[in-house]
Structures are given as structure tokens and as C-alpha cells.
Amino acid sequence: MDFSDLIQWCLEHLSYWVILILMILENSLVPLPSELIVTPAAYKAANGEMNIFLVILFTTLGALIGALINYHLALITWYLKKKLKACR
């Protein structure tokens, strides 16, 4: 599989739900640059294959959900550390 084949495959299978899931992963756990997600989606939107407003919506929702996951993981960690210190 050539690199151009990989890019072609990604463009063919890119949908709003894939954008959402990848943005959640990018903002929570996996160090994945958002440019790898948003640029092909914008390309498809410019060609009329996707709606730009839905691309923006799903990108924003994914980023928000990923950030909230990080926030709550940090909050749980802080709470558990506080409880462990209180037990000593």
C-alpha cells in the first residue's frame, strides 16, 4: 500500500462520525494532530461531499467531549489524591 493509497482510503471513509471519534481521541488520550482530521474534512466540504457546518459542528463537539474527558479524569485523580492524603 502506497502513501497515496492510504490518503485516498482515508478520504473515501471519512464521515462526520469518524471526525467526531478522532477529535475525541485527539483531545483526550491519543496525541494525534487535529490537522490530520480537519484538513481532509475541509477538502471534502470544499468539493461539496460534506457540509462545512456539520464538519465544524462535529469537530467542535469532538474537541469538547475530549476536553471534558480529560477534565473529569484530572478531577477524579485530584479527588483520589486528596482522599489518600486524608487517610494518612
N, C-alpha and C. Protein backbone atom coordinates (compact mmCIF):
# COMPACT_ATOMS: atom_id res chain seq x y z
N MET A 1 0.85 -1.18 0.00
CA MET A 1 0.00 0.00 0.00
C MET A 1 0.89 1.24 0.00
N ASP A 2 0.68 2.08 -0.95
CA ASP A 2 1.44 3.32 -1.09
C ASP A 2 0.82 4.40 -0.21
N PHE A 3 1.58 5.44 0.07
CA PHE A 3 1.09 6.54 0.90
C PHE A 3 -0.11 7.22 0.25
N SER A 4 -0.08 7.37 -1.04
CA SER A 4 -1.22 7.99 -1.74
C SER A 4 -2.46 7.11 -1.66
N ASP A 5 -2.27 5.80 -1.62
CA ASP A 5 -3.40 4.88 -1.44
C ASP A 5 -4.01 5.04 -0.04
N LEU A 6 -3.16 5.24 0.95
CA LEU A 6 -3.63 5.45 2.31
C LEU A 6 -4.45 6.73 2.41
N ILE A 7 -3.96 7.79 1.80
CA ILE A 7 -4.69 9.06 1.81
C ILE A 7 -6.02 8.91 1.09
N GLN A 8 -6.01 8.23 -0.03
CA GLN A 8 -7.25 8.00 -0.78
C GLN A 8 -8.25 7.20 0.03
N TRP A 9 -7.79 6.17 0.73
CA TRP A 9 -8.67 5.35 1.56
C TRP A 9 -9.27 6.19 2.68
N CYS A 10 -8.44 7.02 3.32
CA CYS A 10 -8.94 7.87 4.41
C CYS A 10 -10.00 8.86 3.91
N LEU A 11 -9.77 9.43 2.75
CA LEU A 11 -10.74 10.37 2.19
C LEU A 11 -12.05 9.68 1.83
N GLU A 12 -11.99 8.46 1.36
CA GLU A 12 -13.20 7.73 0.99
C GLU A 12 -14.03 7.34 2.21
N HIS A 13 -13.39 7.07 3.34
CA HIS A 13 -14.10 6.59 4.52
C HIS A 13 -14.32 7.67 5.58
N LEU A 14 -13.98 8.90 5.29
CA LEU A 14 -14.16 9.98 6.25
C LEU A 14 -15.63 10.38 6.31
N SER A 15 -16.20 10.35 7.51
CA SER A 15 -17.58 10.77 7.70
C SER A 15 -17.65 11.65 8.95
N TYR A 16 -18.82 12.16 9.24
CA TYR A 16 -18.97 13.03 10.41
C TYR A 16 -18.68 12.27 11.70
N TRP A 17 -19.10 11.01 11.76
CA TRP A 17 -18.87 10.22 12.98
C TRP A 17 -17.39 9.89 13.16
N VAL A 18 -16.69 9.66 12.07
CA VAL A 18 -15.24 9.42 12.15
C VAL A 18 -14.55 10.68 12.64
N ILE A 19 -14.98 11.84 12.14
CA ILE A 19 -14.42 13.11 12.61
C ILE A 19 -14.64 13.26 14.10
N LEU A 20 -15.86 12.97 14.56
CA LEU A 20 -16.17 13.09 15.99
C LEU A 20 -15.29 12.18 16.83
N ILE A 21 -15.19 10.93 16.45
CA ILE A 21 -14.40 9.96 17.23
C ILE A 21 -12.92 10.33 17.23
N LEU A 22 -12.39 10.70 16.08
CA LEU A 22 -10.97 11.07 16.03
C LEU A 22 -10.68 12.34 16.82
N MET A 23 -11.60 13.29 16.82
CA MET A 23 -11.39 14.50 17.60
C MET A 23 -11.49 14.22 19.10
N ILE A 24 -12.36 13.30 19.49
CA ILE A 24 -12.42 12.90 20.90
C ILE A 24 -11.09 12.28 21.31
N LEU A 25 -10.59 11.37 20.48
CA LEU A 25 -9.30 10.74 20.79
C LEU A 25 -8.16 11.76 20.81
N GLU A 26 -8.20 12.69 19.87
CA GLU A 26 -7.14 13.69 19.78
C GLU A 26 -7.11 14.58 21.01
N ASN A 27 -8.27 14.88 21.56
CA ASN A 27 -8.33 15.79 22.70
C ASN A 27 -8.31 15.08 24.04
N SER A 28 -8.32 13.76 24.05
CA SER A 28 -8.32 13.09 25.34
C SER A 28 -7.10 12.21 25.58
N LEU A 29 -6.83 11.29 24.70
CA LEU A 29 -5.80 10.31 25.01
C LEU A 29 -4.65 10.26 24.00
N VAL A 30 -4.99 10.20 22.73
CA VAL A 30 -4.01 9.95 21.68
C VAL A 30 -3.42 11.27 21.18
N PRO A 31 -2.10 11.38 21.14
CA PRO A 31 -1.50 12.61 20.60
C PRO A 31 -1.56 12.63 19.07
N LEU A 32 -2.73 12.95 18.56
CA LEU A 32 -2.98 12.96 17.13
C LEU A 32 -3.26 14.41 16.71
N PRO A 33 -2.47 14.99 15.81
CA PRO A 33 -2.71 16.38 15.41
C PRO A 33 -4.07 16.54 14.73
N SER A 34 -4.79 17.55 15.13
CA SER A 34 -6.12 17.76 14.56
C SER A 34 -6.06 18.15 13.09
N GLU A 35 -4.90 18.62 12.63
CA GLU A 35 -4.76 18.96 11.21
C GLU A 35 -4.93 17.73 10.33
N LEU A 36 -4.59 16.57 10.86
CA LEU A 36 -4.77 15.33 10.08
C LEU A 36 -6.24 14.96 9.93
N ILE A 37 -7.08 15.52 10.77
CA ILE A 37 -8.51 15.22 10.73
C ILE A 37 -9.27 16.31 9.99
N VAL A 38 -8.99 17.55 10.34
CA VAL A 38 -9.77 18.67 9.83
C VAL A 38 -9.45 18.98 8.37
N THR A 39 -8.20 18.86 7.97
CA THR A 39 -7.82 19.21 6.60
C THR A 39 -8.53 18.35 5.55
N PRO A 40 -8.53 17.02 5.68
CA PRO A 40 -9.29 16.23 4.69
C PRO A 40 -10.80 16.50 4.74
N ALA A 41 -11.32 16.77 5.94
CA ALA A 41 -12.75 17.08 6.04
C ALA A 41 -13.07 18.40 5.35
N ALA A 42 -12.19 19.38 5.51
CA ALA A 42 -12.39 20.66 4.83
C ALA A 42 -12.27 20.50 3.32
N TYR A 43 -11.37 19.65 2.89
CA TYR A 43 -11.21 19.36 1.46
C TYR A 43 -12.49 18.76 0.89
N LYS A 44 -13.06 17.79 1.62
CA LYS A 44 -14.29 17.17 1.15
C LYS A 44 -15.45 18.16 1.19
N ALA A 45 -15.45 19.06 2.18
CA ALA A 45 -16.50 20.07 2.24
C ALA A 45 -16.37 21.06 1.09
N ALA A 46 -15.15 21.40 0.73
CA ALA A 46 -14.94 22.32 -0.39
C ALA A 46 -15.37 21.71 -1.71
N ASN A 47 -15.28 20.40 -1.82
CA ASN A 47 -15.71 19.70 -3.03
C ASN A 47 -17.20 19.39 -3.03
N GLY A 48 -17.89 19.75 -1.95
CA GLY A 48 -19.33 19.52 -1.88
C GLY A 48 -19.72 18.14 -1.41
N GLU A 49 -18.76 17.34 -0.95
CA GLU A 49 -19.06 15.99 -0.48
C GLU A 49 -19.55 15.97 0.96
N MET A 50 -19.21 17.02 1.72
CA MET A 50 -19.64 17.14 3.11
C MET A 50 -20.15 18.56 3.33
N ASN A 51 -20.95 18.73 4.35
CA ASN A 51 -21.45 20.04 4.72
C ASN A 51 -20.46 20.69 5.68
N ILE A 52 -20.00 21.89 5.36
CA ILE A 52 -18.98 22.55 6.18
C ILE A 52 -19.49 22.84 7.59
N PHE A 53 -20.78 23.16 7.72
CA PHE A 53 -21.33 23.44 9.04
C PHE A 53 -21.36 22.19 9.91
N LEU A 54 -21.67 21.05 9.31
CA LEU A 54 -21.63 19.80 10.08
C LEU A 54 -20.21 19.38 10.41
N VAL A 55 -19.27 19.66 9.53
CA VAL A 55 -17.86 19.38 9.82
C VAL A 55 -17.42 20.21 11.03
N ILE A 56 -17.77 21.48 11.04
CA ILE A 56 -17.42 22.35 12.17
C ILE A 56 -18.11 21.87 13.44
N LEU A 57 -19.39 21.50 13.33
CA LEU A 57 -20.14 21.04 14.49
C LEU A 57 -19.53 19.78 15.09
N PHE A 58 -19.28 18.77 14.27
CA PHE A 58 -18.74 17.50 14.77
C PHE A 58 -17.30 17.67 15.27
N THR A 59 -16.53 18.53 14.63
CA THR A 59 -15.17 18.80 15.10
C THR A 59 -15.20 19.46 16.47
N THR A 60 -16.07 20.45 16.63
CA THR A 60 -16.18 21.15 17.90
C THR A 60 -16.70 20.24 19.00
N LEU A 61 -17.72 19.45 18.68
CA LEU A 61 -18.25 18.52 19.68
C LEU A 61 -17.19 17.49 20.10
N GLY A 62 -16.44 16.99 19.16
CA GLY A 62 -15.39 16.03 19.49
C GLY A 62 -14.32 16.64 20.38
N ALA A 63 -13.93 17.87 20.06
CA ALA A 63 -12.93 18.55 20.89
C ALA A 63 -13.47 18.81 22.29
N LEU A 64 -14.73 19.20 22.38
CA LEU A 64 -15.34 19.47 23.68
C LEU A 64 -15.46 18.20 24.51
N ILE A 65 -15.94 17.13 23.90
CA ILE A 65 -16.09 15.87 24.63
C ILE A 65 -14.72 15.35 25.09
N GLY A 66 -13.72 15.43 24.23
CA GLY A 66 -12.37 15.01 24.61
C GLY A 66 -11.81 15.83 25.75
N ALA A 67 -12.03 17.14 25.72
CA ALA A 67 -11.55 18.01 26.80
C ALA A 67 -12.29 17.70 28.10
N LEU A 68 -13.58 17.41 28.03
CA LEU A 68 -14.33 17.06 29.23
C LEU A 68 -13.87 15.73 29.82
N ILE A 69 -13.50 14.80 28.96
CA ILE A 69 -12.94 13.54 29.46
C ILE A 69 -11.66 13.81 30.23
N ASN A 70 -10.78 14.61 29.66
CA ASN A 70 -9.54 14.96 30.36
C ASN A 70 -9.82 15.66 31.67
N TYR A 71 -10.75 16.60 31.65
CA TYR A 71 -11.08 17.35 32.86
C TYR A 71 -11.57 16.41 33.96
N HIS A 72 -12.46 15.51 33.62
CA HIS A 72 -13.00 14.61 34.64
C HIS A 72 -11.98 13.59 35.12
N LEU A 73 -11.10 13.15 34.25
CA LEU A 73 -10.02 12.26 34.70
C LEU A 73 -9.10 12.98 35.67
N ALA A 74 -8.79 14.24 35.39
CA ALA A 74 -7.94 15.02 36.29
C ALA A 74 -8.67 15.29 37.61
N LEU A 75 -9.96 15.54 37.55
CA LEU A 75 -10.74 15.79 38.77
C LEU A 75 -10.80 14.55 39.64
N ILE A 76 -10.99 13.39 39.04
CA ILE A 76 -11.01 12.13 39.79
C ILE A 76 -9.64 11.87 40.41
N THR A 77 -8.58 12.12 39.65
CA THR A 77 -7.23 11.93 40.18
C THR A 77 -6.97 12.85 41.36
N TRP A 78 -7.37 14.11 41.23
CA TRP A 78 -7.19 15.08 42.33
C TRP A 78 -7.96 14.63 43.56
N TYR A 79 -9.20 14.18 43.37
CA TYR A 79 -10.03 13.75 44.47
C TYR A 79 -9.44 12.54 45.17
N LEU A 80 -8.95 11.58 44.39
CA LEU A 80 -8.36 10.38 44.99
C LEU A 80 -7.08 10.71 45.75
N LYS A 81 -6.27 11.61 45.21
CA LYS A 81 -5.06 12.02 45.93
C LYS A 81 -5.41 12.72 47.23
N LYS A 82 -6.44 13.54 47.19
CA LYS A 82 -6.88 14.24 48.40
C LYS A 82 -7.37 13.25 49.45
N LYS A 83 -8.11 12.24 49.03
CA LYS A 83 -8.60 11.22 49.95
C LYS A 83 -7.46 10.39 50.54
N LEU A 84 -6.45 10.07 49.70
CA LEU A 84 -5.31 9.30 50.19
C LEU A 84 -4.51 10.09 51.20
N LYS A 85 -4.35 11.38 51.01
CA LYS A 85 -3.65 12.22 51.98
C LYS A 85 -4.42 12.32 53.28
N ALA A 86 -5.74 12.35 53.20
CA ALA A 86 -6.56 12.44 54.41
C ALA A 86 -6.51 11.14 55.22
N CYS A 87 -6.25 10.03 54.57
CA CYS A 87 -6.19 8.74 55.26
C CYS A 87 -4.88 8.56 56.03
N ARG A 88 -3.87 9.34 55.71
CA ARG A 88 -2.57 9.16 56.37
C ARG A 88 -2.54 9.73 57.74
